[in-house]
PDB file of N, CA and C in Angstrom:
ATOM      1  N   MET A   1      -0.151 -10.012 -12.422  1.00  0.00           N
ATOM      2  CA  MET A   1      -1.332  -9.338 -13.038  1.00  0.00           C
ATOM      3  C   MET A   1      -0.925  -8.925 -14.468  1.00  0.00           C
ATOM      4  N   ASP A   2      -1.774  -8.941 -15.587  1.00  0.00           N
ATOM      5  CA  ASP A   2      -1.249  -8.510 -16.995  1.00  0.00           C
ATOM      6  C   ASP A   2      -1.129  -7.251 -17.019  1.00  0.00           C
ATOM      7  N   GLU A   3       0.182  -7.069 -17.711  1.00  0.00           N
ATOM      8  CA  GLU A   3       0.410  -5.766 -17.968  1.00  0.00           C
ATOM      9  C   GLU A   3      -0.599  -4.646 -18.801  1.00  0.00           C
ATOM     10  N   GLN A   4      -1.307  -5.577 -19.753  1.00  0.00           N
ATOM     11  CA  GLN A   4      -2.241  -4.569 -20.298  1.00  0.00           C
ATOM     12  C   GLN A   4      -3.420  -3.998 -19.361  1.00  0.00           C
ATOM     13  N   ILE A   5      -3.641  -5.010 -18.411  1.00  0.00           N
ATOM     14  CA  ILE A   5      -4.752  -4.782 -17.420  1.00  0.00           C
ATOM     15  C   ILE A   5      -4.342  -3.393 -16.230  1.00  0.00           C
ATOM     16  N   MET A   6      -3.059  -3.638 -16.120  1.00  0.00           N
ATOM     17  CA  MET A   6      -2.461  -2.506 -15.153  1.00  0.00           C
ATOM     18  C   MET A   6      -2.440  -1.280 -15.854  1.00  0.00           C
ATOM     19  N   ARG A   7      -1.843  -0.976 -17.109  1.00  0.00           N
ATOM     20  CA  ARG A   7      -1.652   0.441 -17.895  1.00  0.00           C
ATOM     21  C   ARG A   7      -2.935   1.011 -17.585  1.00  0.00           C
ATOM     22  N   GLY A   8      -2.812   2.195 -17.231  1.00  0.00           N
ATOM     23  CA  GLY A   8      -3.945   3.036 -17.231  1.00  0.00           C
ATOM     24  C   GLY A   8      -4.764   3.311 -15.956  1.00  0.00           C
ATOM     25  N   ARG A   9      -4.086   2.341 -15.078  1.00  0.00           N
ATOM     26  CA  ARG A   9      -4.834   2.360 -13.990  1.00  0.00           C
ATOM     27  C   ARG A   9      -4.071   3.207 -12.909  1.00  0.00           C
ATOM     28  N   VAL A  10      -4.930   3.521 -12.151  1.00  0.00           N
ATOM     29  CA  VAL A  10      -4.128   4.297 -10.817  1.00  0.00           C
ATOM     30  C   VAL A  10      -4.129   3.185  -9.639  1.00  0.00           C
ATOM     31  N   TYR A  11      -2.313   3.764  -9.106  1.00  0.00           N
ATOM     32  CA  TYR A  11      -1.938   2.881  -8.085  1.00  0.00           C
ATOM     33  C   TYR A  11      -2.915   3.036  -6.979  1.00  0.00           C
ATOM     34  N   GLY A  12      -3.404   1.909  -6.164  1.00  0.00           N
ATOM     35  CA  GLY A  12      -4.237   1.977  -5.134  1.00  0.00           C
ATOM     36  C   GLY A  12      -5.946   1.664  -5.566  1.00  0.00           C
ATOM     37  N   ALA A  13      -6.222   2.055  -6.268  1.00  0.00           N
ATOM     38  CA  ALA A  13      -7.554   1.430  -7.170  1.00  0.00           C
ATOM     39  C   ALA A  13      -7.693   0.180  -6.904  1.00  0.00           C
ATOM     40  N   ASP A  14      -8.907  -0.283  -6.351  1.00  0.00           N
ATOM     41  CA  ASP A  14      -9.662  -1.411  -6.472  1.00  0.00           C
ATOM     42  C   ASP A  14      -9.376  -2.060  -7.410  1.00  0.00           C
ATOM     43  N   HIS A  15      -9.314  -3.540  -7.388  1.00  0.00           N
ATOM     44  CA  HIS A  15      -9.563  -4.265  -8.744  1.00  0.00           C
ATOM     45  C   HIS A  15     -10.851  -4.472  -9.229  1.00  0.00           C
ATOM     46  N   ASP A  16     -11.864  -4.447  -8.301  1.00  0.00           N
ATOM     47  CA  ASP A  16     -13.228  -4.099  -8.818  1.00  0.00           C
ATOM     48  C   ASP A  16     -13.466  -3.028  -8.979  1.00  0.00           C
ATOM     49  N   ASP A  17     -12.920  -2.192  -9.116  1.00  0.00           N
ATOM     50  CA  ASP A  17     -13.392  -0.731  -9.649  1.00  0.00           C
ATOM     51  C   ASP A  17     -13.645  -0.607 -10.683  1.00  0.00           C
ATOM     52  N   PRO A  18     -14.912  -0.171 -11.043  1.00  0.00           N
ATOM     53  CA  PRO A  18     -15.243  -0.280 -12.744  1.00  0.00           C
ATOM     54  C   PRO A  18     -14.765   0.607 -13.486  1.00  0.00           C
ATOM     55  N   ASP A  19     -14.197   1.750 -12.974  1.00  0.00           N
ATOM     56  CA  ASP A  19     -13.187   3.061 -13.150  1.00  0.00           C
ATOM     57  C   ASP A  19     -11.954   3.019 -12.933  1.00  0.00           C
ATOM     58  N   PRO A  20     -11.025   2.339 -12.831  1.00  0.00           N
ATOM     59  CA  PRO A  20      -9.995   2.185 -12.081  1.00  0.00           C
ATOM     60  C   PRO A  20      -9.110   3.592 -13.004  1.00  0.00           C
ATOM     61  N   GLY A  21      -9.559   4.125 -13.566  1.00  0.00           N
ATOM     62  CA  GLY A  21      -8.106   5.045 -14.715  1.00  0.00           C
ATOM     63  C   GLY A  21      -8.656   6.490 -13.763  1.00  0.00           C
ATOM     64  N   PRO A  22      -7.922   7.393 -14.574  1.00  0.00           N
ATOM     65  CA  PRO A  22      -7.451   8.657 -13.835  1.00  0.00           C
ATOM     66  C   PRO A  22      -8.759   9.298 -13.830  1.00  0.00           C
ATOM     67  N   GLN A  23      -8.680  10.225 -12.898  1.00  0.00           N
ATOM     68  CA  GLN A  23     -10.361  11.170 -12.413  1.00  0.00           C
ATOM     69  C   GLN A  23     -10.098  12.589 -13.185  1.00  0.00           C
ATOM     70  N   PRO A  24     -11.151  13.192 -13.601  1.00  0.00           N
ATOM     71  CA  PRO A  24     -11.037  14.470 -13.710  1.00  0.00           C
ATOM     72  C   PRO A  24     -10.706  15.521 -12.352  1.00  0.00           C
ATOM     73  N   GLY A  25      -9.768  16.402 -12.682  1.00  0.00           N
ATOM     74  CA  GLY A  25      -9.378  17.298 -11.889  1.00  0.00           C
ATOM     75  C   GLY A  25      -8.239  16.817 -10.824  1.00  0.00           C
ATOM     76  N   HIS A  26      -7.619  15.835 -11.194  1.00  0.00           N
ATOM     77  CA  HIS A  26      -6.511  15.217 -10.447  1.00  0.00           C
ATOM     78  C   HIS A  26      -5.185  15.504 -11.441  1.00  0.00           C
ATOM     79  N   SER A  27      -4.035  15.119 -10.680  1.00  0.00           N
ATOM     80  CA  SER A  27      -2.709  15.199 -11.145  1.00  0.00           C
ATOM     81  C   SER A  27      -2.181  13.836 -10.928  1.00  0.00           C
ATOM     82  N   TYR A  28      -1.511  13.399 -12.157  1.00  0.00           N
ATOM     83  CA  TYR A  28      -1.002  12.151 -12.152  1.00  0.00           C
ATOM     84  C   TYR A  28       0.179  11.865 -12.649  1.00  0.00           C
ATOM     85  N   VAL A  29       1.209  11.067 -11.773  1.00  0.00           N
ATOM     86  CA  VAL A  29       2.658  10.805 -12.808  1.00  0.00           C
ATOM     87  C   VAL A  29       2.596   9.400 -13.236  1.00  0.00           C
ATOM     88  N   GLU A  30       3.091   8.959 -14.264  1.00  0.00           N
ATOM     89  CA  GLU A  30       3.263   7.608 -14.654  1.00  0.00           C
ATOM     90  C   GLU A  30       4.411   6.996 -13.917  1.00  0.00           C
ATOM     91  N   LEU A  31       4.464   5.469 -13.372  1.00  0.00           N
ATOM     92  CA  LEU A  31       5.556   5.171 -12.657  1.00  0.00           C
ATOM     93  C   LEU A  31       6.099   4.032 -13.941  1.00  0.00           C
ATOM     94  N   VAL A  32       7.260   4.211 -13.898  1.00  0.00           N
ATOM     95  CA  VAL A  32       8.126   3.542 -15.003  1.00  0.00           C
ATOM     96  C   VAL A  32       9.170   2.568 -14.544  1.00  0.00           C
ATOM     97  N   GLY A  33       8.985   1.312 -14.740  1.00  0.00           N
ATOM     98  CA  GLY A  33      10.006   0.280 -14.582  1.00  0.00           C
ATOM     99  C   GLY A  33       9.475  -0.353 -13.105  1.00  0.00           C
ATOM    100  N   GLY A  34      10.071  -1.456 -12.624  1.00  0.00           N
ATOM    101  CA  GLY A  34       9.670  -2.114 -11.311  1.00  0.00           C
ATOM    102  C   GLY A  34       8.485  -2.645 -11.410  1.00  0.00           C
ATOM    103  N   PRO A  35       7.965  -2.992 -10.042  1.00  0.00           N
ATOM    104  CA  PRO A  35       6.474  -3.895  -9.984  1.00  0.00           C
ATOM    105  C   PRO A  35       5.496  -3.256 -10.426  1.00  0.00           C
ATOM    106  N   LEU A  36       5.341  -1.565 -10.440  1.00  0.00           N
ATOM    107  CA  LEU A  36       4.496  -0.972 -10.416  1.00  0.00           C
ATOM    108  C   LEU A  36       4.162  -0.312 -12.096  1.00  0.00           C
ATOM    109  N   ASP A  37       5.420  -0.739 -12.829  1.00  0.00           N
ATOM    110  CA  ASP A  37       5.377  -0.344 -14.487  1.00  0.00           C
ATOM    111  C   ASP A  37       3.929   0.021 -14.955  1.00  0.00           C
ATOM    112  N   GLY A  38       3.585   1.066 -15.152  1.00  0.00           N
ATOM    113  CA  GLY A  38       2.591   1.533 -15.912  1.00  0.00           C
ATOM    114  C   GLY A  38       1.440   2.247 -15.467  1.00  0.00           C
ATOM    115  N   LEU A  39       1.303   1.912 -13.904  1.00  0.00           N
ATOM    116  CA  LEU A  39       0.421   2.309 -12.905  1.00  0.00           C
ATOM    117  C   LEU A  39       0.409   3.785 -12.778  1.00  0.00           C
ATOM    118  N   LEU A  40      -0.442   4.738 -12.697  1.00  0.00           N
ATOM    119  CA  LEU A  40      -0.693   6.257 -12.420  1.00  0.00           C
ATOM    120  C   LEU A  40      -0.521   6.504 -11.140  1.00  0.00           C
ATOM    121  N   LEU A  41       0.123   7.330 -10.589  1.00  0.00           N
ATOM    122  CA  LEU A  41       0.162   7.926  -9.188  1.00  0.00           C
ATOM    123  C   LEU A  41      -0.502   9.085  -8.793  1.00  0.00           C
ATOM    124  N   ASP A  42      -1.409   9.202  -8.006  1.00  0.00           N
ATOM    125  CA  ASP A  42      -2.316  10.323  -8.088  1.00  0.00           C
ATOM    126  C   ASP A  42      -1.491  11.230  -7.062  1.00  0.00           C
ATOM    127  N   VAL A  43      -0.935  12.135  -7.698  1.00  0.00           N
ATOM    128  CA  VAL A  43      -0.126  13.246  -6.580  1.00  0.00           C
ATOM    129  C   VAL A  43      -0.731  14.398  -6.464  1.00  0.00           C
ATOM    130  N   THR A  44      -2.031  14.764  -6.613  1.00  0.00           N
ATOM    131  CA  THR A  44      -2.971  15.709  -6.327  1.00  0.00           C
ATOM    132  C   THR A  44      -2.740  16.028  -4.926  1.00  0.00           C
ATOM    133  N   GLY A  45      -2.656  17.580  -5.015  1.00  0.00           N
ATOM    134  CA  GLY A  45      -1.948  18.105  -3.623  1.00  0.00           C
ATOM    135  C   GLY A  45      -0.769  17.963  -3.104  1.00  0.00           C
ATOM    136  N   TRP A  46       0.102  17.179  -4.071  1.00  0.00           N
ATOM    137  CA  TRP A  46       1.328  17.084  -3.423  1.00  0.00           C
ATOM    138  C   TRP A  46       2.282  18.280  -3.209  1.00  0.00           C
ATOM    139  N   THR A  47       3.107  18.661  -2.656  1.00  0.00           N
ATOM    140  CA  THR A  47       4.116  20.222  -2.529  1.00  0.00           C
ATOM    141  C   THR A  47       5.182  19.928  -3.387  1.00  0.00           C
ATOM    142  N   ALA A  48       5.660  20.528  -4.372  1.00  0.00           N
ATOM    143  CA  ALA A  48       7.181  20.658  -4.556  1.00  0.00           C
ATOM    144  C   ALA A  48       8.138  19.539  -4.097  1.00  0.00           C
ATOM    145  N   HIS A  49       8.383  19.808  -2.790  1.00  0.00           N
ATOM    146  CA  HIS A  49       9.053  18.834  -2.149  1.00  0.00           C
ATOM    147  C   HIS A  49       8.659  17.347  -1.820  1.00  0.00           C
ATOM    148  N   GLN A  50       7.327  17.295  -1.888  1.00  0.00           N
ATOM    149  CA  GLN A  50       6.949  15.709  -1.889  1.00  0.00           C
ATOM    150  C   GLN A  50       7.601  15.151  -3.175  1.00  0.00           C
ATOM    151  N   LEU A  51       7.155  16.263  -4.200  1.00  0.00           N
ATOM    152  CA  LEU A  51       7.360  15.455  -5.645  1.00  0.00           C
ATOM    153  C   LEU A  51       8.583  15.418  -5.695  1.00  0.00           C
ATOM    154  N   HIS A  52       9.546  16.098  -5.380  1.00  0.00           N
ATOM    155  CA  HIS A  52      11.053  16.009  -5.630  1.00  0.00           C
ATOM    156  C   HIS A  52      11.577  14.403  -4.815  1.00  0.00           C
ATOM    157  N   GLU A  53      10.896  14.575  -3.579  1.00  0.00           N
ATOM    158  CA  GLU A  53      11.136  13.264  -2.916  1.00  0.00           C
ATOM    159  C   GLU A  53      10.659  12.132  -3.359  1.00  0.00           C
ATOM    160  N   GLY A  54       9.567  12.004  -4.107  1.00  0.00           N
ATOM    161  CA  GLY A  54       9.325  10.613  -5.020  1.00  0.00           C
ATOM    162  C   GLY A  54       8.423  10.001  -3.725  1.00  0.00           C
ATOM    163  N   ALA A  55       8.496   8.664  -3.912  1.00  0.00           N
ATOM    164  CA  ALA A  55       7.236   7.720  -2.907  1.00  0.00           C
ATOM    165  C   ALA A  55       7.854   6.088  -2.613  1.00  0.00           C
ATOM    166  N   ALA A  56       7.656   5.995  -1.515  1.00  0.00           N
ATOM    167  CA  ALA A  56       7.925   4.751  -1.261  1.00  0.00           C
ATOM    168  C   ALA A  56       6.132   3.778  -1.271  1.00  0.00           C
ATOM    169  N   LEU A  57       6.090   3.036  -2.169  1.00  0.00           N
ATOM    170  CA  LEU A  57       4.743   2.282  -2.374  1.00  0.00           C
ATOM    171  C   LEU A  57       4.595   1.222  -1.891  1.00  0.00           C
ATOM    172  N   PRO A  58       3.658   1.000  -1.305  1.00  0.00           N
ATOM    173  CA  PRO A  58       3.368  -0.200  -0.448  1.00  0.00           C
ATOM    174  C   PRO A  58       3.065  -1.522  -1.649  1.00  0.00           C
ATOM    175  N   THR A  59       3.573  -2.656  -1.887  1.00  0.00           N
ATOM    176  CA  THR A  59       3.154  -3.546  -2.918  1.00  0.00           C
ATOM    177  C   THR A  59       3.600  -5.057  -2.581  1.00  0.00           C
ATOM    178  N   GLU A  60       2.855  -5.675  -2.998  1.00  0.00           N
ATOM    179  CA  GLU A  60       3.187  -7.256  -2.871  1.00  0.00           C
ATOM    180  C   GLU A  60       3.924  -7.620  -3.904  1.00  0.00           C
ATOM    181  N   LEU A  61       3.893  -6.917  -4.995  1.00  0.00           N
ATOM    182  CA  LEU A  61       4.550  -7.324  -6.330  1.00  0.00           C
ATOM    183  C   LEU A  61       5.999  -7.176  -6.187  1.00  0.00           C
ATOM    184  N   GLY A  62       6.786  -6.420  -5.457  1.00  0.00           N
ATOM    185  CA  GLY A  62       8.057  -6.308  -5.267  1.00  0.00           C
ATOM    186  C   GLY A  62       9.076  -7.346  -5.019  1.00  0.00           C
ATOM    187  N   ARG A  63      10.316  -7.063  -4.749  1.00  0.00           N
ATOM    188  CA  ARG A  63      10.910  -8.097  -4.280  1.00  0.00           C
ATOM    189  C   ARG A  63      11.151  -8.989  -2.833  1.00  0.00           C
ATOM    190  N   TYR A  64      10.631  -8.016  -2.018  1.00  0.00           N
ATOM    191  CA  TYR A  64       9.946  -8.251  -0.554  1.00  0.00           C
ATOM    192  C   TYR A  64       8.606  -8.975  -0.395  1.00  0.00           C
ATOM    193  N   GLY A  65       8.057  -8.886  -1.431  1.00  0.00           N
ATOM    194  CA  GLY A  65       6.527  -9.413  -1.189  1.00  0.00           C
ATOM    195  C   GLY A  65       5.516  -8.621  -0.302  1.00  0.00           C
ATOM    196  N   ALA A  66       4.879  -9.061   0.503  1.00  0.00           N
ATOM    197  CA  ALA A  66       4.017  -8.247   1.235  1.00  0.00           C
ATOM    198  C   ALA A  66       4.541  -7.779   2.390  1.00  0.00           C
ATOM    199  N   GLY A  67       4.095  -6.549   2.520  1.00  0.00           N
ATOM    200  CA  GLY A  67       4.985  -5.590   3.460  1.00  0.00           C
ATOM    201  C   GLY A  67       6.082  -4.718   2.857  1.00  0.00           C
ATOM    202  N   GLY A  68       6.382  -5.142   1.674  1.00  0.00           N
ATOM    203  CA  GLY A  68       7.498  -4.493   0.870  1.00  0.00           C
ATOM    204  C   GLY A  68       7.009  -3.251   0.385  1.00  0.00           C
ATOM    205  N   ARG A  69       7.815  -2.308  -0.162  1.00  0.00           N
ATOM    206  CA  ARG A  69       7.772  -0.782  -0.998  1.00  0.00           C
ATOM    207  C   ARG A  69       8.616  -0.765  -2.116  1.00  0.00           C
ATOM    208  N   ALA A  70       8.075  -0.157  -3.247  1.00  0.00           N
ATOM    209  CA  ALA A  70       8.409  -0.068  -4.171  1.00  0.00           C
ATOM    210  C   ALA A  70       9.052   1.468  -4.142  1.00  0.00           C
ATOM    211  N   LEU A  71      10.286   1.737  -4.533  1.00  0.00           N
ATOM    212  CA  LEU A  71      10.626   3.029  -4.260  1.00  0.00           C
ATOM    213  C   LEU A  71      10.920   3.827  -5.706  1.00  0.00           C
ATOM    214  N   TYR A  72       9.926   5.153  -5.719  1.00  0.00           N
ATOM    215  CA  TYR A  72      10.059   5.367  -7.097  1.00  0.00           C
ATOM    216  C   TYR A  72      10.174   6.671  -7.063  1.00  0.00           C
ATOM    217  N   GLY A  73      11.310   7.604  -7.960  1.00  0.00           N
ATOM    218  CA  GLY A  73      11.663   8.891  -7.876  1.00  0.00           C
ATOM    219  C   GLY A  73      11.604   9.761  -9.571  1.00  0.00           C
ATOM    220  N   PRO A  74      10.996  11.026  -9.207  1.00  0.00           N
ATOM    221  CA  PRO A  74      11.188  12.096 -10.136  1.00  0.00           C
ATOM    222  C   PRO A  74      12.363  11.715 -11.169  1.00  0.00           C
ATOM    223  N   ARG A  75      11.894  11.484 -12.518  1.00  0.00           N
ATOM    224  CA  ARG A  75      12.660  11.231 -13.753  1.00  0.00           C
ATOM    225  C   ARG A  75      13.208  12.893 -14.012  1.00  0.00           C
ATOM    226  N   ASN A  76      14.488  13.222 -13.915  1.00  0.00           N
ATOM    227  CA  ASN A  76      14.851  14.433 -14.427  1.00  0.00           C
ATOM    228  C   ASN A  76      14.320  15.030 -15.696  1.00  0.00           C
ATOM    229  N   GLY A  77      14.082  16.030 -15.739  1.00  0.00           N
ATOM    230  CA  GLY A  77      13.569  16.835 -16.931  1.00  0.00           C
ATOM    231  C   GLY A  77      12.113  16.266 -17.281  1.00  0.00           C
ATOM    232  N   ASP A  78      11.512  15.130 -16.516  1.00  0.00           N
ATOM    233  CA  ASP A  78      10.486  14.742 -17.135  1.00  0.00           C
ATOM    234  C   ASP A  78       9.323  14.932 -15.927  1.00  0.00           C
ATOM    235  N   PRO A  79       8.820  15.733 -15.453  1.00  0.00           N
ATOM    236  CA  PRO A  79       7.860  16.005 -14.381  1.00  0.00           C
ATOM    237  C   PRO A  79       6.694  14.782 -14.079  1.00  0.00           C
ATOM    238  N   LYS A  80       6.110  14.405 -15.496  1.00  0.00           N
ATOM    239  CA  LYS A  80       4.944  13.208 -15.563  1.00  0.00           C
ATOM    240  C   LYS A  80       5.198  11.938 -15.171  1.00  0.00           C
ATOM    241  N   ARG A  81       6.793  11.793 -15.089  1.00  0.00           N
ATOM    242  CA  ARG A  81       7.318  10.462 -14.885  1.00  0.00           C
ATOM    243  C   ARG A  81       7.791  10.321 -13.469  1.00  0.00           C
ATOM    244  N   PHE A  82       7.864   8.961 -12.630  1.00  0.00           N
ATOM    245  CA  PHE A  82       8.559   8.686 -11.484  1.00  0.00           C
ATOM    246  C   PHE A  82       9.485   7.180 -11.838  1.00  0.00           C
ATOM    247  N   ASP A  83      10.634   7.251 -12.032  1.00  0.00           N
ATOM    248  CA  ASP A  83      11.291   6.153 -12.347  1.00  0.00           C
ATOM    249  C   ASP A  83      11.618   5.101 -10.906  1.00  0.00           C
ATOM    250  N   TRP A  84      11.747   3.771 -11.217  1.00  0.00           N
ATOM    251  CA  TRP A  84      11.635   2.945 -10.122  1.00  0.00           C
ATOM    252  C   TRP A  84      13.378   3.061  -9.524  1.00  0.00           C
ATOM    253  N   GLU A  85      13.558   2.958  -8.454  1.00  0.00           N
ATOM    254  CA  GLU A  85      14.524   3.116  -8.015  1.00  0.00           C
ATOM    255  C   GLU A  85      14.985   1.859  -7.121  1.00  0.00           C
ATOM    256  N   GLY A  86      14.139   0.994  -7.104  1.00  0.00           N
ATOM    257  CA  GLY A  86      14.404  -0.371  -6.050  1.00  0.00           C
ATOM    258  C   GLY A  86      13.330  -0.655  -5.296  1.00  0.00           C
ATOM    259  N   ASP A  87      13.461  -1.665  -4.310  1.00  0.00           N
ATOM    260  CA  ASP A  87      12.461  -2.208  -3.359  1.00  0.00           C
ATOM    261  C   ASP A  87      13.120  -2.215  -2.319  1.00  0.00           C
ATOM    262  N   THR A  88      12.205  -2.004  -1.201  1.00  0.00           N
ATOM    263  CA  THR A  88      12.406  -2.189   0.358  1.00  0.00           C
ATOM    264  C   THR A  88      11.785  -2.747   1.157  1.00  0.00           C
ATOM    265  N   PRO A  89      12.194  -3.635   2.377  1.00  0.00           N
ATOM    266  CA  PRO A  89      11.204  -4.111   3.167  1.00  0.00           C
ATOM    267  C   PRO A  89      10.131  -3.151   3.778  1.00  0.00           C
TER     268      PRO A  89
END
């Protein structure tokens, strides 16, 4: 998928969604690096513990293809970004 198309999109938004960007009243972190680079992850309602743990996000774009997950964790000193930590089956 074209990198410019993905930038500013929210992870999990439908490709046909006419407004795949952030929604008012939601909290987001930017995914940095890896297969989901540039996407926004909606973390609305996440606890401090969940934010500290990061996320294992299903994606077909990673090393393991369909069924694989991209691992993202919080960047030290920058709560608005999760850095890619690798892929897992």
